[in-house]
Amino acid sequence: MRVVLQTSFAASRKEPLVEMLNRVHQGFVDAGLEPFIRFNLADGMMVSTSIVDRAVKRYPELARFVTEAPPMPGMQPTRRLSNGPLSDGANQAIPYETLQAIAAGVPRSFPFGSVAIHFHSPEFGELLPTMTIQSPMMAGVRISDSWWVNGRQRALSACTVAEVEAGAKKLPAPAGAIATVLAACGKAKKTIQAPLPENLGEGPVPGVRLPGGMAAPSAKPELAIAVKAINVKYRDRMPEIVKEAPLPHDLPSTTEMLQVGSGVNSGPKKPALEEVFKPMGYSIRGANAGFTLQRRTAANTTLMLSLDTGTWSHNLTAMFLVYGLGFKAVLSLPPTEKSAGGQYRVGDAEHWRKIVENLGALVAELERTFVPEIEATTGPSPDWYQPVSNG
């Protein structure tokens, strides 16, 4: 079976973009590979002066790469320099030194709204044509740098394709030239697995949305369809499930909690999560604006509780996810019988503790009913399968 591995690496804004670019490029050189470099350098959405025009004035040979075609159907036209398929310079290379000089000017001389640079060589493999629109799923190494309200955002990721034998306990480790390039990328933060079907056949294939938002064709389409039916049944029954749990605390409704000021602070949130979910076998990791709780069952099914606690709003959105080879199920969890799901005000420390205890009871009920019904339909997943692993 082919498995796509999308690995994110630590990417600090303190490291100039050109230094990161040179580091990745040198990794390919050290590995004896000659990468083809794709690039997309776009103006911001609200600019008075085109940075694309500024770059072309400095480097006139880039004029053939200017395009304003929408990057994807339904998206707004964006003026950019690109050697992608919508440009007159599609699949044409530019001297590395030119790209290097432009990267050295980001963001001062060339404050592009977004920068994406992709290194590819055949050793990384080629992915299905239907997946190439998902840039993080393009085989090779990708660097991105973009503007956001709190400053420039930087990302570095690599996408490889592994072949795993039936019955294998672990995925094969990267070797040879690929290992050399990945070592140059630095410290891995997390890896997302996307097992692919043996063949797509005719007609559409059910997709599985992976952690991080990417989608891939299901490796087991028949399981994806069966699990979706179970998922819909439990989603429609959620009000009954909440009563069957039952929840230990009768918390106010969503409307009532809106009367609580957004300035009310719950303090540290992790201790309450550890108290309730560690005994249930869940690991707990903090994210930018929330937490991810995760454990594996004896059937190698991965259970995840995703908690978005908000950056400014201090509202909670809770999702329970079930992953196995070729399928995913997801349910929105209401922290009270008086809520239909969606956002719910966190409130103070005592209210947060009660929310967590309610979620613990609800997750325990789903582990008693929802998860076993899925596993009875799908059977176990392979030992090597993990939708996402850290480090």
Protein backbone atom coordinates (compact mmCIF):
# COMPACT_ATOMS: atom_id res chain seq x y z
CA MET A 1 0.00 0.00 0.00
CA ARG A 2 1.16 3.52 -0.79
CA VAL A 3 1.05 5.96 2.11
CA VAL A 4 1.56 9.71 1.75
CA LEU A 5 3.53 11.19 4.66
CA GLN A 6 3.20 14.93 5.15
CA THR A 7 5.71 16.13 7.74
CA SER A 8 5.77 19.62 9.24
CA PHE A 9 9.07 21.02 10.51
CA ALA A 10 9.87 23.77 12.98
CA ALA A 11 9.95 27.07 11.08
CA SER A 12 11.03 30.19 12.91
CA ARG A 13 10.39 33.69 11.59
CA LYS A 14 13.73 34.62 13.18
CA GLU A 15 15.44 32.69 10.39
CA PRO A 16 15.40 34.87 7.24
CA LEU A 17 13.44 33.33 4.39
CA VAL A 18 16.50 33.21 2.16
CA GLU A 19 18.44 31.24 4.77
CA MET A 20 15.68 28.64 4.99
CA LEU A 21 15.56 28.50 1.19
CA ASN A 22 19.33 27.98 0.99
CA ARG A 23 19.24 25.32 3.72
CA VAL A 24 16.65 23.25 1.86
CA HIS A 25 18.40 23.77 -1.48
CA GLN A 26 21.71 22.64 0.02
CA GLY A 27 19.99 19.51 1.32
CA PHE A 28 19.07 18.56 -2.24
CA VAL A 29 22.63 19.35 -3.42
CA ASP A 30 24.13 17.20 -0.63
CA ALA A 31 21.75 14.38 -1.59
CA GLY A 32 22.91 14.55 -5.22
CA LEU A 33 19.48 15.62 -6.45
CA GLU A 34 18.58 18.36 -8.92
CA PRO A 35 15.17 19.67 -7.88
CA PHE A 36 12.69 21.47 -10.06
CA ILE A 37 11.52 24.53 -8.14
CA ARG A 38 7.93 25.72 -8.41
CA PHE A 39 7.14 29.18 -7.10
CA ASN A 40 4.11 31.34 -6.39
CA LEU A 41 4.73 34.95 -5.28
CA ALA A 42 1.47 36.83 -4.85
CA ASP A 43 0.38 40.37 -4.08
CA GLY A 44 -1.65 40.86 -0.93
CA MET A 45 -5.42 41.28 -1.10
CA MET A 46 -5.26 44.98 -0.22
CA VAL A 47 -2.21 46.66 -1.76
CA SER A 48 -1.80 50.09 -3.32
CA THR A 49 1.43 49.13 -5.10
CA SER A 50 1.94 45.78 -6.80
CA ILE A 51 4.93 43.92 -5.40
CA VAL A 52 4.78 41.71 -8.47
CA ASP A 53 5.36 44.76 -10.67
CA ARG A 54 8.21 45.84 -8.43
CA ALA A 55 9.89 42.43 -8.81
CA VAL A 56 9.44 42.45 -12.60
CA LYS A 57 10.93 45.94 -12.81
CA ARG A 58 14.00 44.62 -10.97
CA TYR A 59 14.10 41.35 -12.94
CA PRO A 60 12.44 41.90 -16.37
CA GLU A 61 12.95 38.25 -17.33
CA LEU A 62 10.17 37.36 -14.85
CA ALA A 63 7.47 39.07 -16.97
CA ARG A 64 6.40 35.78 -18.57
CA PHE A 65 5.47 34.41 -15.13
CA VAL A 66 2.93 37.15 -14.31
CA THR A 67 -0.67 35.89 -14.11
CA GLU A 68 -3.94 37.03 -12.59
CA ALA A 69 -5.89 33.82 -13.20
CA PRO A 70 -7.81 32.57 -10.13
CA PRO A 71 -5.57 30.03 -8.32
CA MET A 72 -8.58 27.69 -8.04
CA PRO A 73 -12.16 27.74 -9.37
CA GLY A 74 -14.30 30.11 -7.33
CA MET A 75 -11.37 32.06 -5.90
CA GLN A 76 -10.68 35.73 -6.54
CA PRO A 77 -8.09 36.58 -9.24
CA THR A 78 -4.68 37.21 -7.67
CA ARG A 79 -1.79 38.98 -9.36
CA ARG A 80 1.27 36.81 -8.88
CA LEU A 81 4.50 35.44 -10.28
CA SER A 82 4.12 31.72 -10.88
CA ASN A 83 5.45 28.90 -13.00
CA GLY A 84 2.32 26.91 -12.24
CA PRO A 85 -0.13 25.61 -14.87
CA LEU A 86 -2.08 28.89 -15.21
CA SER A 87 0.96 30.98 -16.12
CA ASP A 88 2.49 31.61 -19.57
CA GLY A 89 5.72 30.46 -17.93
CA ALA A 90 4.22 27.17 -16.76
CA ASN A 91 6.84 24.53 -15.88
CA GLN A 92 9.69 26.86 -16.81
CA ALA A 93 12.59 27.28 -14.41
CA ILE A 94 14.39 30.44 -13.39
CA PRO A 95 17.99 30.67 -12.18
CA TYR A 96 18.22 29.75 -8.51
CA GLU A 97 20.17 32.96 -7.92
CA THR A 98 17.15 35.04 -9.01
CA LEU A 99 14.82 33.23 -6.66
CA GLN A 100 17.43 33.55 -3.94
CA ALA A 101 17.67 37.32 -4.45
CA ILE A 102 13.89 37.72 -4.28
CA ALA A 103 13.69 35.64 -1.10
CA ALA A 104 16.40 37.83 0.43
CA GLY A 105 14.09 40.83 -0.11
CA VAL A 106 11.09 39.30 1.71
CA PRO A 107 9.47 41.03 3.51
CA ARG A 108 11.22 44.41 3.30
CA SER A 109 11.95 44.99 -0.40
CA PHE A 110 9.37 42.47 -1.59
CA PRO A 111 6.52 42.25 0.97
CA PHE A 112 4.46 39.73 -0.99
CA GLY A 113 1.13 38.78 0.53
CA SER A 114 2.10 35.14 0.17
CA VAL A 115 5.17 33.21 -0.94
CA ALA A 116 5.18 29.50 -1.75
CA ILE A 117 8.30 27.69 -3.00
CA HIS A 118 8.21 23.98 -3.77
CA PHE A 119 11.22 21.71 -4.41
CA HIS A 120 10.59 18.44 -6.23
CA SER A 121 12.66 15.59 -7.57
CA PRO A 122 11.40 12.20 -8.81
CA GLU A 123 12.83 10.44 -5.75
CA PHE A 124 10.01 11.97 -3.69
CA GLY A 125 7.39 10.29 -5.85
CA GLU A 126 4.42 11.64 -7.77
CA LEU A 127 0.97 11.91 -6.28
CA LEU A 128 -2.45 11.46 -7.85
CA PRO A 129 -3.50 14.33 -10.14
CA THR A 130 -6.62 14.91 -8.03
CA MET A 131 -4.44 15.72 -5.03
CA THR A 132 -2.06 18.22 -6.55
CA ILE A 133 -4.40 21.13 -5.80
CA GLN A 134 -3.66 20.50 -2.12
CA SER A 135 -0.21 22.07 -2.02
CA PRO A 136 0.92 20.42 1.24
CA MET A 137 0.23 17.08 -0.46
CA MET A 138 2.58 17.70 -3.39
CA ALA A 139 5.57 15.37 -3.19
CA GLY A 140 8.72 17.28 -2.30
CA VAL A 141 9.56 20.08 0.13
CA ARG A 142 7.46 23.23 0.48
CA ILE A 143 8.31 26.57 2.07
CA SER A 144 5.64 29.20 2.63
CA ASP A 145 5.71 32.71 4.05
CA SER A 146 2.63 34.89 4.22
CA TRP A 147 1.17 37.97 5.83
CA TRP A 148 -1.32 37.63 8.69
CA VAL A 149 -2.80 40.03 11.21
CA ASN A 150 -0.18 39.13 13.84
CA GLY A 151 2.79 39.24 11.46
CA ARG A 152 4.41 36.97 8.90
CA GLN A 153 3.54 33.28 9.07
CA ARG A 154 6.22 30.74 8.14
CA ALA A 155 5.86 27.03 7.35
CA LEU A 156 8.18 24.26 6.15
CA SER A 157 6.90 20.83 5.21
CA ALA A 158 7.88 17.75 3.22
CA CYS A 159 5.69 15.22 1.47
CA THR A 160 6.97 11.74 0.69
CA VAL A 161 5.39 8.48 -0.44
CA ALA A 162 6.13 5.23 1.39
CA GLU A 163 5.36 1.66 0.34
CA VAL A 164 4.20 -0.51 3.23
CA GLU A 165 3.87 -4.27 3.07
CA ALA A 166 0.76 -6.08 4.26
CA GLY A 167 1.18 -7.11 7.89
CA ALA A 168 3.96 -4.61 8.58
CA LYS A 169 4.20 -3.31 12.14
CA LYS A 170 5.91 -0.03 11.21
CA LEU A 171 6.31 2.18 8.16
CA PRO A 172 9.76 2.08 6.53
CA ALA A 173 12.02 4.91 7.65
CA PRO A 174 13.25 7.40 5.01
CA ALA A 175 16.60 6.37 3.54
CA GLY A 176 19.26 7.56 1.12
CA ALA A 177 18.76 10.87 -0.64
CA ILE A 178 15.34 11.46 0.90
CA ALA A 179 16.76 11.08 4.41
CA THR A 180 19.49 13.62 3.58
CA VAL A 181 16.97 16.21 2.39
CA LEU A 182 14.67 15.68 5.38
CA ALA A 183 17.62 16.06 7.75
CA ALA A 184 18.32 19.46 6.18
CA CYS A 185 14.74 20.51 6.92
CA GLY A 186 15.43 20.36 10.66
CA LYS A 187 13.30 19.13 13.53
CA ALA A 188 10.05 17.39 12.63
CA LYS A 189 6.98 18.59 14.57
CA LYS A 190 4.31 16.21 13.30
CA THR A 191 3.59 13.75 10.51
CA ILE A 192 0.21 13.12 8.93
CA GLN A 193 -0.47 9.81 7.18
CA ALA A 194 -2.72 9.52 4.13
CA PRO A 195 -3.04 5.89 2.94
CA LEU A 196 -4.06 5.72 -0.72
CA PRO A 197 -6.38 3.25 -2.47
CA GLU A 198 -4.80 0.56 -4.62
CA ASN A 199 -6.62 1.97 -7.63
CA LEU A 200 -9.21 4.65 -8.11
CA GLY A 201 -11.32 2.87 -10.70
CA GLU A 202 -14.16 4.78 -12.34
CA GLY A 203 -16.22 7.48 -10.71
CA PRO A 204 -15.61 9.50 -7.55
CA VAL A 205 -13.91 7.95 -4.52
CA PRO A 206 -15.04 8.90 -0.99
CA GLY A 207 -12.56 11.25 0.63
CA VAL A 208 -11.13 11.32 4.13
CA ARG A 209 -10.37 14.74 5.62
CA LEU A 210 -7.14 14.41 7.55
CA PRO A 211 -5.88 16.29 10.62
CA GLY A 212 -4.93 19.74 9.43
CA GLY A 213 -7.75 19.93 6.88
CA MET A 214 -6.22 18.11 3.91
CA ALA A 215 -8.34 15.55 2.07
CA ALA A 216 -7.28 12.30 0.41
CA PRO A 217 -9.14 9.49 -1.39
CA SER A 218 -10.14 6.75 1.02
CA ALA A 219 -7.89 3.69 1.02
CA LYS A 220 -11.01 1.63 1.83
CA PRO A 221 -13.96 3.32 0.08
CA GLU A 222 -16.46 0.71 1.25
CA LEU A 223 -15.50 1.39 4.89
CA ALA A 224 -15.74 5.15 4.39
CA ILE A 225 -19.30 4.75 3.12
CA ALA A 226 -20.32 2.40 5.95
CA VAL A 227 -18.82 4.62 8.66
CA LYS A 228 -20.51 7.69 7.21
CA ALA A 229 -23.89 6.02 7.70
CA ILE A 230 -23.07 5.28 11.35
CA ASN A 231 -21.79 8.81 11.80
CA VAL A 232 -25.02 10.33 10.47
CA LYS A 233 -27.11 8.11 12.75
CA TYR A 234 -25.25 9.21 15.88
CA ARG A 235 -25.15 12.84 14.81
CA ASP A 236 -28.93 12.86 14.47
CA ARG A 237 -29.29 11.12 17.86
CA MET A 238 -26.94 13.44 19.75
CA PRO A 239 -29.69 15.02 21.95
CA GLU A 240 -30.67 11.51 23.11
CA ILE A 241 -27.05 10.51 23.64
CA VAL A 242 -26.43 13.55 25.84
CA LYS A 243 -29.33 12.44 28.07
CA GLU A 244 -28.14 8.82 28.12
CA ALA A 245 -24.60 9.78 29.19
CA PRO A 246 -25.79 11.38 31.59
CA LEU A 247 -23.91 14.65 32.10
CA PRO A 248 -22.93 15.35 35.73
CA HIS A 249 -23.65 19.10 35.54
CA ASP A 250 -26.76 20.97 34.43
CA LEU A 251 -24.99 23.93 32.81
CA PRO A 252 -26.67 27.07 31.46
CA SER A 253 -27.74 27.30 27.83
CA THR A 254 -25.64 28.86 25.10
CA THR A 255 -27.86 31.95 25.15
CA GLU A 256 -27.54 32.32 28.93
CA MET A 257 -23.75 31.99 28.77
CA LEU A 258 -23.59 34.86 26.28
CA GLN A 259 -24.40 37.12 29.23
CA VAL A 260 -20.99 36.21 30.69
CA GLY A 261 -18.47 38.81 29.61
CA SER A 262 -15.74 37.70 27.20
CA GLY A 263 -13.22 39.13 29.68
CA VAL A 264 -13.99 36.39 32.25
CA ASN A 265 -10.92 34.14 32.36
CA SER A 266 -10.86 30.46 33.25
CA GLY A 267 -7.13 30.47 33.97
CA PRO A 268 -5.04 27.41 33.01
CA LYS A 269 -7.25 24.90 31.21
CA LYS A 270 -4.97 21.86 31.01
CA PRO A 271 -5.17 20.74 34.69
CA ALA A 272 -8.92 20.04 34.44
CA LEU A 273 -8.39 18.13 31.20
CA GLU A 274 -5.65 16.03 32.76
CA GLU A 275 -7.79 15.22 35.79
CA VAL A 276 -10.67 13.91 33.67
CA PHE A 277 -9.06 12.49 30.54
CA LYS A 278 -5.69 11.10 31.63
CA PRO A 279 -7.39 8.27 33.57
CA MET A 280 -9.30 7.52 30.35
CA GLY A 281 -5.98 6.98 28.53
CA TYR A 282 -5.82 10.23 26.54
CA SER A 283 -2.67 12.21 25.87
CA ILE A 284 -3.18 15.99 25.99
CA ARG A 285 -1.38 18.50 23.81
CA GLY A 286 -1.92 22.24 23.74
CA ALA A 287 -2.29 24.00 20.39
CA ASN A 288 -2.41 27.65 19.35
CA ALA A 289 -6.00 28.12 20.47
CA GLY A 290 -6.99 24.89 22.17
CA PHE A 291 -6.10 21.28 22.88
CA THR A 292 -5.94 17.91 21.13
CA LEU A 293 -6.60 14.81 23.21
CA GLN A 294 -5.79 11.44 21.66
CA ARG A 295 -5.66 7.72 22.35
CA ARG A 296 -5.63 4.43 20.43
CA THR A 297 -7.97 1.51 21.01
CA ALA A 298 -6.99 -2.16 20.97
CA ALA A 299 -8.18 -2.25 17.33
CA ASN A 300 -5.70 0.56 16.43
CA THR A 301 -8.54 3.03 15.99
CA THR A 302 -7.46 6.56 16.88
CA LEU A 303 -9.83 8.61 19.04
CA MET A 304 -9.33 12.36 19.18
CA LEU A 305 -11.05 15.13 21.07
CA SER A 306 -10.39 18.50 19.45
CA LEU A 307 -11.07 21.49 21.69
CA ASP A 308 -10.94 24.98 20.19
CA THR A 309 -11.06 27.39 23.13
CA GLY A 310 -10.68 30.55 21.07
CA THR A 311 -8.00 33.20 20.97
CA TRP A 312 -10.12 36.30 21.61
CA SER A 313 -13.67 35.02 22.06
CA HIS A 314 -13.05 32.50 24.92
CA ASN A 315 -15.67 30.24 23.36
CA LEU A 316 -15.39 26.46 23.17
CA THR A 317 -16.00 24.23 20.15
CA ALA A 318 -15.61 20.50 20.90
CA MET A 319 -15.33 17.78 18.24
CA PHE A 320 -14.94 14.01 18.78
CA LEU A 321 -13.12 12.28 15.91
CA VAL A 322 -12.62 8.60 15.11
CA TYR A 323 -9.91 7.63 12.60
CA GLY A 324 -9.09 4.27 11.08
CA LEU A 325 -7.54 3.08 7.83
CA GLY A 326 -9.74 4.56 5.09
CA PHE A 327 -12.36 6.25 7.26
CA LYS A 328 -13.12 9.09 9.62
CA ALA A 329 -16.13 9.95 11.77
CA VAL A 330 -16.71 13.24 13.56
CA LEU A 331 -19.32 14.45 16.02
CA SER A 332 -19.86 17.91 17.49
CA LEU A 333 -20.14 17.63 21.29
CA PRO A 334 -22.45 19.94 23.26
CA PRO A 335 -21.17 20.59 26.81
CA THR A 336 -24.74 20.81 28.13
CA GLU A 337 -28.18 19.42 27.31
CA LYS A 338 -29.24 23.02 26.68
CA SER A 339 -26.80 23.47 23.81
CA ALA A 340 -27.09 22.11 20.28
CA GLY A 341 -23.33 22.20 19.80
CA GLY A 342 -21.21 24.87 18.21
CA GLN A 343 -19.55 27.61 20.26
CA TYR A 344 -20.13 27.77 24.01
CA ARG A 345 -18.71 30.40 26.39
CA VAL A 346 -15.94 28.95 28.59
CA GLY A 347 -16.56 31.17 31.61
CA ASP A 348 -14.52 31.03 34.82
CA ALA A 349 -12.33 28.23 36.20
CA GLU A 350 -15.20 26.46 38.00
CA HIS A 351 -17.42 26.56 34.93
CA TRP A 352 -14.55 25.21 32.77
CA ARG A 353 -14.10 22.30 35.19
CA LYS A 354 -17.78 21.42 34.88
CA ILE A 355 -17.61 21.66 31.07
CA VAL A 356 -14.67 19.24 31.04
CA GLU A 357 -16.44 16.78 33.35
CA ASN A 358 -19.51 16.88 31.09
CA LEU A 359 -17.35 16.23 28.03
CA GLY A 360 -15.67 13.34 29.83
CA ALA A 361 -19.04 11.72 30.47
CA LEU A 362 -20.10 12.24 26.87
CA VAL A 363 -16.86 10.80 25.46
CA ALA A 364 -17.20 7.78 27.77
CA GLU A 365 -20.71 7.18 26.40
CA LEU A 366 -19.46 7.40 22.81
CA GLU A 367 -16.64 4.97 23.63
CA ARG A 368 -19.30 2.58 24.95
CA THR A 369 -21.59 2.83 21.90
CA PHE A 370 -20.34 4.80 18.89
CA VAL A 371 -16.76 3.51 18.73
CA PRO A 372 -17.59 -0.22 19.12
CA GLU A 373 -20.25 0.03 16.40
CA ILE A 374 -17.69 1.52 14.03
CA GLU A 375 -15.04 -1.09 14.89
CA ALA A 376 -17.55 -3.93 14.46
CA THR A 377 -18.09 -2.66 10.90
CA THR A 378 -14.51 -1.87 9.93
CA GLY A 379 -12.41 -4.38 11.84
CA PRO A 380 -8.95 -3.40 13.13
CA SER A 381 -6.57 -0.97 11.43
CA PRO A 382 -2.89 -1.93 10.86
CA ASP A 383 -0.40 -1.44 13.70
CA TRP A 384 1.50 1.18 11.66
CA TYR A 385 -1.48 3.41 10.97
CA GLN A 386 -1.61 6.72 12.84
CA PRO A 387 -3.48 9.66 11.30
CA VAL A 388 -1.07 12.05 13.00
CA SER A 389 2.05 11.57 15.14
CA ASN A 390 4.11 14.21 16.89
CA GLY A 391 7.86 14.64 16.72
